[in-house]
Amino acid sequence: MKIRMERIKSKPTDAVLTGVGYDLHRLESGNGIVLCGVKISSDKSFVAHSDGDVPIHALMDAILSALGENDIGHFFPTDDDRYKKADSCALLLEVLNIAKTKGYMLNNISVSIIAQEPTLSPYIDEFKERLSKVTKISRAKIGISATTNEGIGDIGDGNAIASFAAVTLVRIKNDKNDALSEK
C-alpha cells in the first residue's frame, strides 16, 4: 500500500512544525473496536472503510496538517479498495514516511479520545506502548487522555467515538536538510 509520491506537496523548512487532527466514527453492532492499534472487546464495531481507529486517524491528520498536506482522505480515499479494512497503524507508517521524505520526524504526540463506552482508562498504558512501538518515539513523549461526552449527542449515547490529536514534528538533522535551511 504505497502512497503515490506525486500527491506530496513541497517541503517546509521550519525546525519545528505543529499540527492538530480530529476524527469521529459511528458505531454499530459488531465484535470489537480498535483504538491506538489495540483491539478492545465490545459488542460494537466502527462504521468505517478501514479499521476505523479514530485516534490513529486523528494522529495521521495532525501529522499531515503540520506538514501542510491534505488530510488522510486524500492519501487513503474511501473509494480505493486497497484501504478497505486496512490496519490504521500500517497507514500511519505511510504518513510517517511522508514526514521523513520531507525531512521531519515526530517529536511528541498528544491524543484525547472521547467515548461514552467502553471505559478506556484501563487501556491507556497499552495505547501508549503500541503508539511508541509504531512511531518509534519514547512513551514519555506520548500523552493520551480519555473522557466521556457526559451523555450528550451521538458520542454520549454510545453511538460514536471521536478523537483529537496534536503533534510536534522536528526537522531531521543531516547535511542535506541543513543546506535547505541556509537557502
Protein backbone atom coordinates (compact mmCIF):
# COMPACT_ATOMS: atom_id res chain seq x y z
CA MET A 1 0.00 0.00 0.00
CA LYS A 2 2.46 2.67 -1.09
CA ILE A 3 1.28 6.26 -1.48
CA ARG A 4 1.76 7.85 -4.86
CA MET A 5 4.57 10.33 -4.21
CA GLU A 6 3.08 12.88 -6.64
CA ARG A 7 0.40 13.57 -4.03
CA ILE A 8 3.02 15.09 -1.71
CA LYS A 9 3.39 18.88 -1.74
CA SER A 10 6.64 20.85 -1.33
CA LYS A 11 8.96 20.55 1.67
CA PRO A 12 8.67 23.00 4.59
CA THR A 13 11.93 24.28 6.12
CA ASP A 14 10.98 25.24 9.71
CA ALA A 15 12.83 23.48 12.53
CA VAL A 16 9.61 22.62 14.41
CA LEU A 17 6.12 22.04 12.99
CA THR A 18 2.85 21.58 14.88
CA GLY A 19 -0.41 20.04 13.73
CA VAL A 20 -3.86 19.16 15.06
CA GLY A 21 -6.17 16.43 13.81
CA TYR A 22 -9.69 15.19 14.53
CA ASP A 23 -11.70 12.11 13.63
CA LEU A 24 -15.04 10.57 14.52
CA HIS A 25 -16.66 7.27 13.55
CA ARG A 26 -20.12 5.95 14.26
CA LEU A 27 -20.54 2.60 15.96
CA GLU A 28 -22.78 -0.31 15.01
CA SER A 29 -23.39 -3.80 16.39
CA GLY A 30 -20.22 -5.80 15.99
CA ASN A 31 -17.38 -7.66 17.63
CA GLY A 32 -14.93 -5.07 18.90
CA ILE A 33 -13.12 -1.84 18.13
CA VAL A 34 -9.51 -0.84 17.55
CA LEU A 35 -8.08 2.23 19.28
CA CYS A 36 -4.41 3.20 19.03
CA GLY A 37 -3.78 -0.15 17.36
CA VAL A 38 -5.21 -2.09 20.33
CA LYS A 39 -8.19 -4.43 19.86
CA ILE A 40 -10.82 -3.81 22.54
CA SER A 41 -13.66 -6.22 23.30
CA SER A 42 -17.03 -4.65 22.63
CA ASP A 43 -20.43 -5.57 21.25
CA LYS A 44 -19.89 -2.73 18.75
CA SER A 45 -17.63 -2.04 15.76
CA PHE A 46 -16.77 1.10 13.83
CA VAL A 47 -18.65 2.05 10.69
CA ALA A 48 -15.57 2.77 8.59
CA HIS A 49 -13.80 1.93 5.35
CA SER A 50 -10.58 0.98 7.20
CA ASP A 51 -10.44 -0.46 10.73
CA GLY A 52 -11.81 2.90 11.95
CA ASP A 53 -9.07 3.51 14.53
CA VAL A 54 -10.20 7.02 15.45
CA PRO A 55 -7.11 8.16 17.45
CA ILE A 56 -4.73 6.93 14.74
CA HIS A 57 -6.80 8.73 12.08
CA ALA A 58 -6.66 11.96 14.13
CA LEU A 59 -2.92 11.45 14.61
CA MET A 60 -2.34 10.99 10.86
CA ASP A 61 -4.33 14.15 10.12
CA ALA A 62 -2.29 16.06 12.72
CA ILE A 63 0.98 14.96 11.11
CA LEU A 64 -0.25 15.79 7.62
CA SER A 65 -1.56 19.16 8.82
CA ALA A 66 1.82 20.01 10.37
CA LEU A 67 3.44 19.21 7.02
CA GLY A 68 0.98 21.42 5.13
CA GLU A 69 -0.53 18.39 3.40
CA ASN A 70 -4.13 17.40 2.70
CA ASP A 71 -5.96 15.09 5.12
CA ILE A 72 -5.91 11.28 5.13
CA GLY A 73 -8.86 11.07 2.74
CA HIS A 74 -6.58 12.50 0.06
CA PHE A 75 -3.94 9.81 0.58
CA PHE A 76 -6.23 6.90 1.50
CA PRO A 77 -9.54 7.52 -0.33
CA THR A 78 -12.59 5.56 0.77
CA ASP A 79 -13.33 4.61 -2.83
CA ASP A 80 -9.99 2.75 -3.06
CA ASP A 81 -10.44 -0.91 -2.13
CA ARG A 82 -6.75 -1.19 -1.14
CA TYR A 83 -7.72 0.56 2.09
CA LYS A 84 -10.87 -1.45 2.87
CA LYS A 85 -10.47 -2.80 6.42
CA ALA A 86 -6.88 -1.53 6.38
CA ASP A 87 -4.82 -1.59 9.56
CA SER A 88 -4.58 2.09 10.51
CA CYS A 89 -1.15 1.54 12.08
CA ALA A 90 0.12 0.48 8.64
CA LEU A 91 -1.37 3.67 7.19
CA LEU A 92 0.29 5.68 9.96
CA LEU A 93 3.64 4.25 8.87
CA GLU A 94 2.94 5.58 5.36
CA VAL A 95 2.21 9.04 6.80
CA LEU A 96 5.40 8.90 8.88
CA ASN A 97 7.25 8.09 5.65
CA ILE A 98 5.81 11.27 4.09
CA ALA A 99 7.18 13.22 7.07
CA LYS A 100 10.57 11.54 6.67
CA THR A 101 10.57 12.28 2.92
CA LYS A 102 10.01 15.94 3.79
CA GLY A 103 12.83 15.84 6.36
CA TYR A 104 10.78 15.57 9.58
CA MET A 105 10.16 13.13 12.39
CA LEU A 106 7.72 13.01 15.28
CA ASN A 107 8.82 14.71 18.47
CA ASN A 108 5.72 14.21 20.60
CA ILE A 109 2.07 13.15 20.44
CA SER A 110 -0.95 14.22 22.45
CA VAL A 111 -4.21 12.32 21.93
CA SER A 112 -7.61 12.79 23.54
CA ILE A 113 -10.27 10.12 22.98
CA ILE A 114 -13.93 10.90 23.60
CA ALA A 115 -16.06 7.80 24.20
CA GLN A 116 -19.02 7.11 26.45
CA GLU A 117 -18.22 3.42 26.36
CA PRO A 118 -16.22 1.28 26.74
CA THR A 119 -14.28 2.68 29.68
CA LEU A 120 -10.83 3.40 28.27
CA SER A 121 -8.70 4.21 31.33
CA PRO A 122 -7.57 0.56 31.74
CA TYR A 123 -6.11 0.67 28.19
CA ILE A 124 -4.13 3.93 28.33
CA ASP A 125 -0.77 2.27 29.07
CA GLU A 126 -1.33 -0.28 26.30
CA PHE A 127 -2.26 2.54 23.89
CA LYS A 128 0.97 4.37 24.75
CA GLU A 129 3.05 1.22 24.33
CA ARG A 130 1.54 0.44 20.92
CA LEU A 131 1.97 4.03 19.67
CA SER A 132 5.57 4.04 20.93
CA LYS A 133 6.34 0.85 19.01
CA VAL A 134 4.70 2.06 15.79
CA THR A 135 6.09 5.61 15.83
CA LYS A 136 9.49 4.77 17.36
CA ILE A 137 9.24 7.58 19.91
CA SER A 138 9.51 7.26 23.68
CA ARG A 139 6.38 6.61 25.73
CA ALA A 140 7.43 9.70 27.72
CA LYS A 141 6.66 11.80 24.63
CA ILE A 142 3.16 10.36 24.19
CA GLY A 143 0.22 11.76 26.13
CA ILE A 144 -3.15 10.03 25.95
CA SER A 145 -6.30 11.01 27.77
CA ALA A 146 -9.81 9.61 27.61
CA THR A 147 -13.07 11.25 28.58
CA THR A 148 -16.80 10.83 28.07
CA ASN A 149 -19.21 13.20 26.39
CA GLU A 150 -21.35 13.39 29.55
CA GLY A 151 -24.24 11.59 27.84
CA ILE A 152 -24.60 14.31 25.19
CA GLY A 153 -25.10 13.64 21.47
CA ASP A 154 -24.12 10.56 19.47
CA ILE A 155 -20.91 10.12 21.44
CA GLY A 156 -22.75 10.44 24.75
CA ASP A 157 -25.37 7.93 23.56
CA GLY A 158 -22.58 5.41 22.82
CA ASN A 159 -23.17 5.62 19.06
CA ALA A 160 -19.81 7.19 18.09
CA ILE A 161 -16.24 7.72 19.26
CA ALA A 162 -14.14 10.81 18.47
CA SER A 163 -10.54 11.79 18.97
CA PHE A 164 -8.32 14.87 18.79
CA ALA A 165 -4.56 14.66 18.28
CA ALA A 166 -1.80 17.25 18.39
CA VAL A 167 1.79 16.67 17.31
CA THR A 168 5.11 18.40 17.02
CA LEU A 169 7.50 17.39 14.28
CA VAL A 170 11.18 18.29 14.27
CA ARG A 171 13.48 18.57 11.33
CA ILE A 172 15.78 15.57 10.92
CA LYS A 173 19.36 16.71 11.37
CA ASN A 174 21.55 15.96 8.35
CA ASP A 175 23.68 17.88 5.88
CA LYS A 176 21.02 17.81 3.16
CA ASN A 177 18.35 19.41 5.40
CA ASP A 178 20.81 21.88 6.91
CA ALA A 179 21.72 23.05 3.40
CA LEU A 180 17.99 23.52 2.70
CA SER A 181 17.59 25.89 5.64
CA GLU A 182 20.56 28.02 4.56
CA LYS A 183 18.95 28.93 1.20
